[in-house]
Amino acid sequence: VSAFLLQEPIPIAGGMIMANAKKLKSGNWRVLEYDYTDENNKRHYKSFTASTKKEAEYMAKEYSHNKQRGAKTYNDLTLQEAYRRYIDSKSSVLAPSTIDGYEKNLRNDFKMLMPMKLSNINQEHIQLAVNEMSATKSPKSVRNSHGLLSAVLRAYKPQLILTTRLPQKVEPTYTIPTTEEINTLLANANDFIRVPILLASSGSLRRSEVCALTLNDVSDLGVTVNKAAVYDKNNNVVIKPPKTNAGNRFVPLPPHIIKEVKEWKYFGCSPAKLSDSFNRLVQQCNVPHISFHKLRHYFASELHACGIPDKHIAQIGGWKSVAVLQNIYQHTLRDKQEEMNKKIINIFQNNFTADSSNLQNQA
């Protein structure tokens, strides 16, 4: 009771002076902000608790300010309700696969926080939840989950500035197939999966782009990519525009590959069927395990190793920036490493052998 009396706002002309935050035994700080007076003349207060004094006072001040100007607040929303609002607000502008990922985040992430009201969630709660998730999930998964949480809180609790300590990034290891391995796959491929392998490794097409391709997209010079086959929330295949403008492109192809594409009988196949067929082929051929998507990485790395400018590779391959592309070929193709090593040795052998001989002769 004494805490309530001590923190009661002092009425002044034109409004109230906000009470200062008081430190609790738990170490957190709390502000009791006047809310309303009921019919029995009893005063009611909103409680704002945070790990720092500044944050608690900021929350109370913002509530009071919004209340005075009649602004809508979301303090009484639970985190789960905030996630639901955020996902629904983005459902018409984001790709179905992205929304599906958000739905999985809502179901699986931060289960201890989801029932909590936004007004009660603070940085300490979030850090503890991230620590718990880090024990069982990869750093990438934790960072992605925290990214969505940050977006939701920016929308519905913008006063909470997150300073979460996230797990250290782990650089991905790319297993890029060699030309020999891809030729092994092509030699053993059936008439269904052979053309998708050629389109991905020679033309950079994604799985979704291969499945959305039609015969009308094929010309005597190459293929036009302008759509993707993706799954909606009901697990039905739908045709959508590419995620980014970079996905719209023309891909040149050699004549013999164009001929095979024109004769292909499986336009409109499902992404799942394509992946299943490719994975079975990889297993049968006993080559290092690779996903269908890694054929695009082969395309980028092969062109880079042959001196094609990064900007042109990104344009043909549908990468939105050169920086994204460069993350792919940071590991040189395995069948090019020996050749590159010899070039490096020759450079410095030529640079310094002559200098060393001259120095010895002068001595």
Protein backbone atom coordinates (compact mmCIF):
# COMPACT_ATOMS: atom_id res chain seq x y z
CA VAL A 1 0.00 0.00 0.00
CA SER A 2 2.80 2.42 0.89
CA ALA A 3 4.34 1.85 -2.54
CA PHE A 4 1.08 2.87 -4.19
CA LEU A 5 0.79 5.98 -2.01
CA LEU A 6 4.36 7.02 -2.60
CA GLN A 7 3.97 6.74 -6.36
CA GLU A 8 0.60 8.45 -6.68
CA PRO A 9 0.88 11.24 -9.28
CA ILE A 10 0.66 14.79 -7.97
CA PRO A 11 -2.19 16.74 -9.64
CA ILE A 12 -1.24 20.07 -11.14
CA ALA A 13 -2.98 22.53 -13.40
CA GLY A 14 -3.39 20.99 -16.84
CA GLY A 15 -2.56 17.39 -15.90
CA MET A 16 -0.47 15.09 -13.73
CA ILE A 17 3.21 14.85 -12.91
CA MET A 18 4.34 11.33 -13.64
CA ALA A 19 5.75 9.39 -10.66
CA ASN A 20 9.34 8.23 -10.67
CA ALA A 21 10.17 4.56 -11.01
CA LYS A 22 10.76 2.57 -7.84
CA LYS A 23 13.20 -0.31 -7.62
CA LEU A 24 11.68 -3.67 -6.66
CA LYS A 25 13.27 -6.46 -4.64
CA SER A 26 13.64 -8.44 -7.88
CA GLY A 27 15.96 -5.74 -9.22
CA ASN A 28 13.43 -4.51 -11.79
CA TRP A 29 11.93 -1.01 -11.83
CA ARG A 30 8.22 -0.15 -11.67
CA VAL A 31 6.10 2.91 -12.36
CA LEU A 32 2.42 3.13 -11.40
CA GLU A 33 0.71 5.48 -13.83
CA TYR A 34 -2.78 6.81 -13.06
CA ASP A 35 -5.40 5.25 -15.33
CA TYR A 36 -8.90 6.22 -14.16
CA THR A 37 -11.23 6.72 -11.14
CA ASP A 38 -14.22 4.39 -10.83
CA GLU A 39 -17.76 5.14 -9.65
CA ASN A 40 -16.71 4.52 -6.03
CA ASN A 41 -14.07 7.24 -6.34
CA LYS A 42 -11.33 4.60 -6.30
CA ARG A 43 -8.23 5.41 -8.32
CA HIS A 44 -6.82 2.75 -10.65
CA TYR A 45 -3.26 2.57 -11.95
CA LYS A 46 -1.37 0.92 -14.80
CA SER A 47 1.81 -0.84 -13.76
CA PHE A 48 4.89 -0.61 -15.97
CA THR A 49 7.85 -2.85 -15.06
CA ALA A 50 11.21 -2.99 -16.82
CA SER A 51 14.79 -4.01 -16.15
CA THR A 52 15.94 -0.38 -16.12
CA LYS A 53 14.52 2.76 -14.53
CA LYS A 54 14.67 4.68 -17.78
CA GLU A 55 12.72 2.06 -19.71
CA ALA A 56 9.96 1.80 -17.06
CA GLU A 57 9.50 5.56 -16.96
CA TYR A 58 9.50 5.75 -20.75
CA MET A 59 6.75 3.11 -20.98
CA ALA A 60 4.60 4.97 -18.45
CA LYS A 61 5.18 8.32 -20.14
CA GLU A 62 4.26 6.94 -23.55
CA TYR A 63 1.07 5.38 -22.15
CA SER A 64 0.05 8.67 -20.56
CA HIS A 65 0.82 10.61 -23.74
CA ASN A 66 -1.13 8.23 -25.96
CA LYS A 67 -4.05 8.25 -23.55
CA GLN A 68 -4.23 12.05 -23.53
CA ARG A 69 -4.31 12.27 -27.33
CA GLY A 70 -6.65 9.31 -27.70
CA ALA A 71 -4.11 7.20 -29.58
CA LYS A 72 -4.59 3.46 -29.84
CA THR A 73 -2.23 1.41 -27.68
CA TYR A 74 -1.44 -2.27 -27.83
CA ASN A 75 -0.25 -2.78 -24.26
CA ASP A 76 -3.02 -5.27 -23.50
CA LEU A 77 -2.20 -7.46 -26.48
CA THR A 78 -0.40 -10.70 -25.74
CA LEU A 79 2.70 -11.41 -27.79
CA GLN A 80 0.78 -14.19 -29.54
CA GLU A 81 -1.96 -11.73 -30.53
CA ALA A 82 0.65 -9.25 -31.74
CA TYR A 83 2.25 -11.97 -33.92
CA ARG A 84 -1.19 -12.80 -35.33
CA ARG A 85 -1.89 -9.16 -36.18
CA TYR A 86 1.53 -8.71 -37.76
CA ILE A 87 1.29 -11.85 -39.92
CA ASP A 88 -2.24 -11.01 -41.07
CA SER A 89 -1.12 -7.48 -42.00
CA LYS A 90 1.62 -8.88 -44.24
CA SER A 91 -0.27 -11.80 -45.80
CA SER A 92 -1.17 -9.94 -48.99
CA VAL A 93 2.26 -8.45 -49.68
CA LEU A 94 4.70 -11.25 -48.80
CA ALA A 95 5.30 -14.56 -50.57
CA PRO A 96 3.21 -17.52 -49.33
CA SER A 97 6.40 -19.34 -48.36
CA THR A 98 7.43 -16.39 -46.16
CA ILE A 99 4.01 -16.25 -44.47
CA ASP A 100 4.16 -20.02 -43.95
CA GLY A 101 7.51 -19.55 -42.24
CA TYR A 102 6.03 -16.86 -39.99
CA GLU A 103 3.17 -19.21 -39.06
CA LYS A 104 5.71 -21.83 -38.00
CA ASN A 105 7.50 -19.19 -35.92
CA LEU A 106 4.23 -18.33 -34.22
CA ARG A 107 3.57 -21.98 -33.39
CA ASN A 108 7.07 -22.92 -32.24
CA ASP A 109 9.01 -19.88 -31.01
CA PHE A 110 9.16 -18.22 -27.57
CA LYS A 111 6.36 -20.30 -26.05
CA MET A 112 6.94 -18.83 -22.59
CA LEU A 113 6.56 -15.28 -23.92
CA MET A 114 3.53 -15.79 -26.17
CA PRO A 115 0.87 -15.59 -23.39
CA MET A 116 2.47 -12.47 -21.85
CA LYS A 117 1.05 -8.99 -22.42
CA LEU A 118 3.27 -6.64 -24.37
CA SER A 119 3.20 -4.19 -21.47
CA ASN A 120 4.94 -6.78 -19.27
CA ILE A 121 7.61 -8.01 -21.69
CA ASN A 122 11.07 -6.52 -21.23
CA GLN A 123 14.59 -7.13 -22.49
CA GLU A 124 15.39 -9.57 -19.69
CA HIS A 125 12.47 -11.82 -20.67
CA ILE A 126 13.59 -11.81 -24.30
CA GLN A 127 17.23 -12.56 -23.47
CA LEU A 128 16.23 -15.52 -21.31
CA ALA A 129 13.99 -16.86 -24.08
CA VAL A 130 16.79 -16.50 -26.64
CA ASN A 131 19.22 -18.27 -24.30
CA GLU A 132 16.78 -21.15 -23.95
CA MET A 133 16.24 -21.42 -27.70
CA SER A 134 20.00 -21.33 -28.37
CA ALA A 135 20.44 -24.57 -26.44
CA THR A 136 18.49 -26.57 -29.04
CA LYS A 137 18.42 -24.49 -32.24
CA SER A 138 21.12 -23.40 -34.67
CA PRO A 139 22.45 -19.82 -34.50
CA LYS A 140 20.80 -19.08 -37.85
CA SER A 141 17.39 -20.29 -36.61
CA VAL A 142 17.69 -18.25 -33.41
CA ARG A 143 18.68 -15.13 -35.31
CA ASN A 144 15.80 -15.54 -37.76
CA SER A 145 13.30 -16.04 -34.93
CA HIS A 146 14.61 -12.99 -33.11
CA GLY A 147 14.38 -10.99 -36.32
CA LEU A 148 10.65 -11.65 -36.60
CA LEU A 149 10.17 -10.93 -32.88
CA SER A 150 11.96 -7.59 -33.37
CA ALA A 151 9.68 -6.70 -36.29
CA VAL A 152 6.56 -7.51 -34.26
CA LEU A 153 7.73 -5.45 -31.28
CA ARG A 154 8.69 -2.51 -33.51
CA ALA A 155 5.10 -2.51 -34.79
CA TYR A 156 3.29 -2.87 -31.46
CA LYS A 157 5.77 -1.87 -28.76
CA PRO A 158 8.22 0.52 -30.43
CA GLN A 159 9.46 1.98 -27.16
CA LEU A 160 11.23 -1.29 -26.32
CA ILE A 161 14.68 -1.03 -27.91
CA LEU A 162 16.13 -4.53 -28.09
CA THR A 163 19.76 -5.13 -27.15
CA THR A 164 19.62 -8.93 -27.17
CA ARG A 165 22.89 -10.86 -27.18
CA LEU A 166 22.49 -13.38 -30.01
CA PRO A 167 24.52 -16.55 -30.66
CA GLN A 168 27.63 -16.19 -32.80
CA LYS A 169 27.08 -16.57 -36.52
CA VAL A 170 28.37 -19.77 -38.08
CA GLU A 171 29.53 -19.40 -41.65
CA PRO A 172 27.78 -21.98 -43.87
CA THR A 173 29.83 -24.66 -45.56
CA TYR A 174 28.99 -24.86 -49.24
CA THR A 175 29.41 -28.23 -50.93
CA ILE A 176 29.41 -27.14 -54.55
CA PRO A 177 29.21 -30.05 -57.01
CA THR A 178 32.00 -30.46 -59.53
CA THR A 179 31.53 -30.68 -63.29
CA GLU A 180 32.38 -34.38 -63.12
CA GLU A 181 29.71 -35.01 -60.47
CA ILE A 182 27.04 -33.17 -62.45
CA ASN A 183 27.96 -35.16 -65.57
CA THR A 184 27.58 -38.32 -63.50
CA LEU A 185 24.09 -37.22 -62.48
CA LEU A 186 23.16 -36.36 -66.07
CA ALA A 187 24.43 -39.70 -67.35
CA ASN A 188 22.15 -41.56 -64.91
CA ALA A 189 19.15 -39.20 -64.96
CA ASN A 190 15.78 -40.23 -66.36
CA ASP A 191 13.90 -38.09 -68.87
CA PHE A 192 12.06 -36.27 -66.06
CA ILE A 193 14.95 -34.96 -63.94
CA ARG A 194 17.61 -34.49 -66.65
CA VAL A 195 16.23 -31.20 -68.03
CA PRO A 196 15.80 -29.58 -64.57
CA ILE A 197 19.46 -30.42 -63.80
CA LEU A 198 20.54 -28.76 -67.05
CA LEU A 199 18.38 -25.68 -66.40
CA ALA A 200 19.74 -25.24 -62.88
CA SER A 201 23.44 -25.92 -63.54
CA SER A 202 23.64 -24.19 -66.96
CA GLY A 203 20.96 -21.54 -66.49
CA SER A 204 20.72 -20.90 -62.73
CA LEU A 205 16.99 -21.67 -62.54
CA ARG A 206 15.60 -22.32 -59.08
CA ARG A 207 13.38 -25.31 -58.37
CA SER A 208 10.29 -23.07 -58.22
CA GLU A 209 11.26 -21.44 -61.55
CA VAL A 210 11.73 -24.78 -63.32
CA CYS A 211 8.30 -25.93 -62.12
CA ALA A 212 6.62 -22.72 -63.30
CA LEU A 213 8.29 -22.76 -66.73
CA THR A 214 6.09 -23.23 -69.81
CA LEU A 215 6.95 -24.04 -73.40
CA ASN A 216 6.06 -20.44 -74.34
CA ASP A 217 8.95 -19.26 -72.15
CA VAL A 218 11.48 -21.13 -74.32
CA SER A 219 13.03 -19.49 -77.38
CA ASP A 220 15.84 -20.46 -79.73
CA LEU A 221 18.29 -18.44 -77.60
CA GLY A 222 17.27 -19.38 -74.06
CA VAL A 223 14.43 -19.15 -71.53
CA THR A 224 12.51 -16.24 -70.01
CA VAL A 225 12.04 -16.48 -66.24
CA ASN A 226 9.16 -14.45 -64.82
CA LYS A 227 7.26 -16.65 -62.34
CA ALA A 228 7.65 -19.29 -59.63
CA ALA A 229 5.65 -22.30 -58.45
CA VAL A 230 5.26 -22.18 -54.66
CA TYR A 231 3.06 -23.77 -52.01
CA ASP A 232 0.31 -21.74 -50.34
CA LYS A 233 -0.86 -22.15 -46.73
CA ASN A 234 -3.13 -25.04 -47.82
CA ASN A 235 -0.16 -26.83 -49.42
CA ASN A 236 -1.48 -26.22 -52.93
CA VAL A 237 0.91 -25.21 -55.71
CA VAL A 238 0.27 -21.67 -56.96
CA ILE A 239 2.08 -19.60 -59.58
CA LYS A 240 3.46 -16.32 -58.27
CA PRO A 241 5.77 -13.57 -59.57
CA PRO A 242 9.40 -13.80 -58.38
CA LYS A 243 10.14 -12.55 -54.86
CA THR A 244 12.25 -9.70 -56.22
CA ASN A 245 12.54 -7.87 -59.52
CA ALA A 246 15.91 -9.54 -60.02
CA GLY A 247 14.04 -12.81 -60.54
CA ASN A 248 12.65 -11.50 -63.84
CA ARG A 249 15.34 -12.25 -66.41
CA PHE A 250 16.35 -13.88 -69.67
CA VAL A 251 18.77 -16.82 -69.42
CA PRO A 252 20.86 -17.74 -72.51
CA LEU A 253 21.43 -21.46 -73.08
CA PRO A 254 23.43 -23.59 -75.54
CA PRO A 255 21.44 -24.90 -78.55
CA HIS A 256 21.59 -28.58 -77.50
CA ILE A 257 20.11 -27.75 -74.07
CA ILE A 258 17.36 -25.61 -75.65
CA LYS A 259 16.49 -28.58 -77.87
CA GLU A 260 16.10 -30.85 -74.83
CA VAL A 261 14.00 -28.27 -72.98
CA LYS A 262 11.62 -27.90 -75.93
CA GLU A 263 11.13 -31.67 -76.04
CA TRP A 264 10.56 -32.00 -72.26
CA LYS A 265 7.16 -33.48 -71.38
CA TYR A 266 6.88 -32.45 -67.74
CA PHE A 267 6.11 -28.71 -67.72
CA GLY A 268 4.07 -27.85 -64.63
CA CYS A 269 5.54 -30.54 -62.36
CA SER A 270 5.37 -29.98 -58.61
CA PRO A 271 8.40 -28.74 -56.61
CA ALA A 272 8.12 -31.71 -54.24
CA LYS A 273 8.22 -34.24 -57.09
CA LEU A 274 11.28 -32.53 -58.56
CA SER A 275 13.17 -32.57 -55.25
CA ASP A 276 12.28 -36.19 -54.52
CA SER A 277 13.47 -37.31 -57.93
CA PHE A 278 16.73 -35.37 -57.65
CA ASN A 279 17.47 -36.64 -54.14
CA ARG A 280 16.95 -40.26 -55.24
CA LEU A 281 19.33 -39.72 -58.16
CA VAL A 282 22.03 -38.25 -55.92
CA GLN A 283 21.75 -41.25 -53.62
CA GLN A 284 21.88 -43.73 -56.50
CA CYS A 285 24.95 -42.11 -58.05
CA ASN A 286 26.87 -42.11 -54.75
CA VAL A 287 28.05 -38.51 -55.18
CA PRO A 288 28.46 -36.12 -52.21
CA HIS A 289 25.05 -35.12 -50.88
CA ILE A 290 23.85 -31.92 -52.51
CA SER A 291 20.46 -30.26 -52.79
CA PHE A 292 18.98 -29.20 -56.12
CA HIS A 293 19.61 -25.58 -55.15
CA LYS A 294 23.37 -26.19 -55.04
CA LEU A 295 23.32 -26.51 -58.85
CA ARG A 296 22.74 -22.74 -58.91
CA HIS A 297 25.84 -22.33 -56.77
CA TYR A 298 27.77 -24.39 -59.33
CA PHE A 299 26.54 -22.04 -62.06
CA ALA A 300 27.72 -18.94 -60.19
CA SER A 301 31.06 -20.42 -59.11
CA GLU A 302 31.88 -21.77 -62.57
CA LEU A 303 31.24 -18.42 -64.26
CA HIS A 304 33.20 -16.56 -61.59
CA ALA A 305 36.16 -18.92 -61.98
CA CYS A 306 36.09 -18.28 -65.73
CA GLY A 307 36.27 -14.51 -65.26
CA ILE A 308 32.66 -13.51 -66.00
CA PRO A 309 31.96 -10.20 -64.17
CA ASP A 310 29.98 -10.55 -60.96
CA LYS A 311 27.38 -8.01 -62.07
CA HIS A 312 26.56 -10.07 -65.16
CA ILE A 313 26.42 -13.33 -63.16
CA ALA A 314 24.00 -11.74 -60.70
CA GLN A 315 21.81 -10.43 -63.52
CA ILE A 316 21.59 -13.77 -65.36
CA GLY A 317 21.21 -15.77 -62.15
CA GLY A 318 18.53 -13.60 -60.60
CA TRP A 319 20.51 -12.57 -57.50
CA LYS A 320 19.36 -9.22 -56.15
CA SER A 321 22.89 -7.99 -55.40
CA VAL A 322 26.51 -8.84 -56.04
CA ALA A 323 27.02 -9.14 -52.26
CA VAL A 324 24.50 -12.00 -52.07
CA LEU A 325 26.21 -13.67 -55.00
CA GLN A 326 29.67 -13.39 -53.46
CA ASN A 327 28.56 -15.36 -50.38
CA ILE A 328 28.00 -18.33 -52.66
CA TYR A 329 31.36 -18.68 -54.37
CA GLN A 330 33.51 -17.73 -51.38
CA HIS A 331 34.56 -21.38 -51.44
CA THR A 332 36.23 -22.13 -54.78
CA LEU A 333 35.02 -25.06 -56.82
CA ARG A 334 36.77 -28.23 -55.68
CA ASP A 335 37.83 -29.19 -59.22
CA LYS A 336 39.35 -25.72 -59.72
CA GLN A 337 41.32 -25.51 -56.47
CA GLU A 338 44.47 -27.24 -57.75
CA GLU A 339 44.52 -25.04 -60.83
CA MET A 340 44.11 -21.88 -58.73
CA ASN A 341 46.82 -22.98 -56.29
CA LYS A 342 49.28 -23.43 -59.17
CA LYS A 343 48.48 -19.94 -60.45
CA ILE A 344 49.12 -18.45 -57.00
CA ILE A 345 52.45 -20.27 -56.68
CA ASN A 346 53.55 -19.12 -60.12
CA ILE A 347 52.70 -15.49 -59.35
CA PHE A 348 54.97 -15.28 -56.33
CA GLN A 349 57.64 -17.50 -57.80
CA ASN A 350 57.96 -15.06 -60.68
CA ASN A 351 57.74 -12.05 -58.35
CA PHE A 352 60.52 -13.00 -55.96
CA THR A 353 62.87 -15.54 -57.55
CA ALA A 354 64.48 -12.98 -59.84
CA ASP A 355 64.87 -10.44 -57.01
CA SER A 356 66.56 -13.02 -54.81
CA SER A 357 69.05 -13.94 -57.59
CA ASN A 358 69.92 -10.29 -58.17
CA LEU A 359 70.58 -9.71 -54.48
CA GLN A 360 72.92 -12.72 -54.34
CA ASN A 361 74.82 -11.56 -57.45
CA GLN A 362 75.24 -8.06 -56.01
CA ALA A 363 76.62 -9.53 -52.79
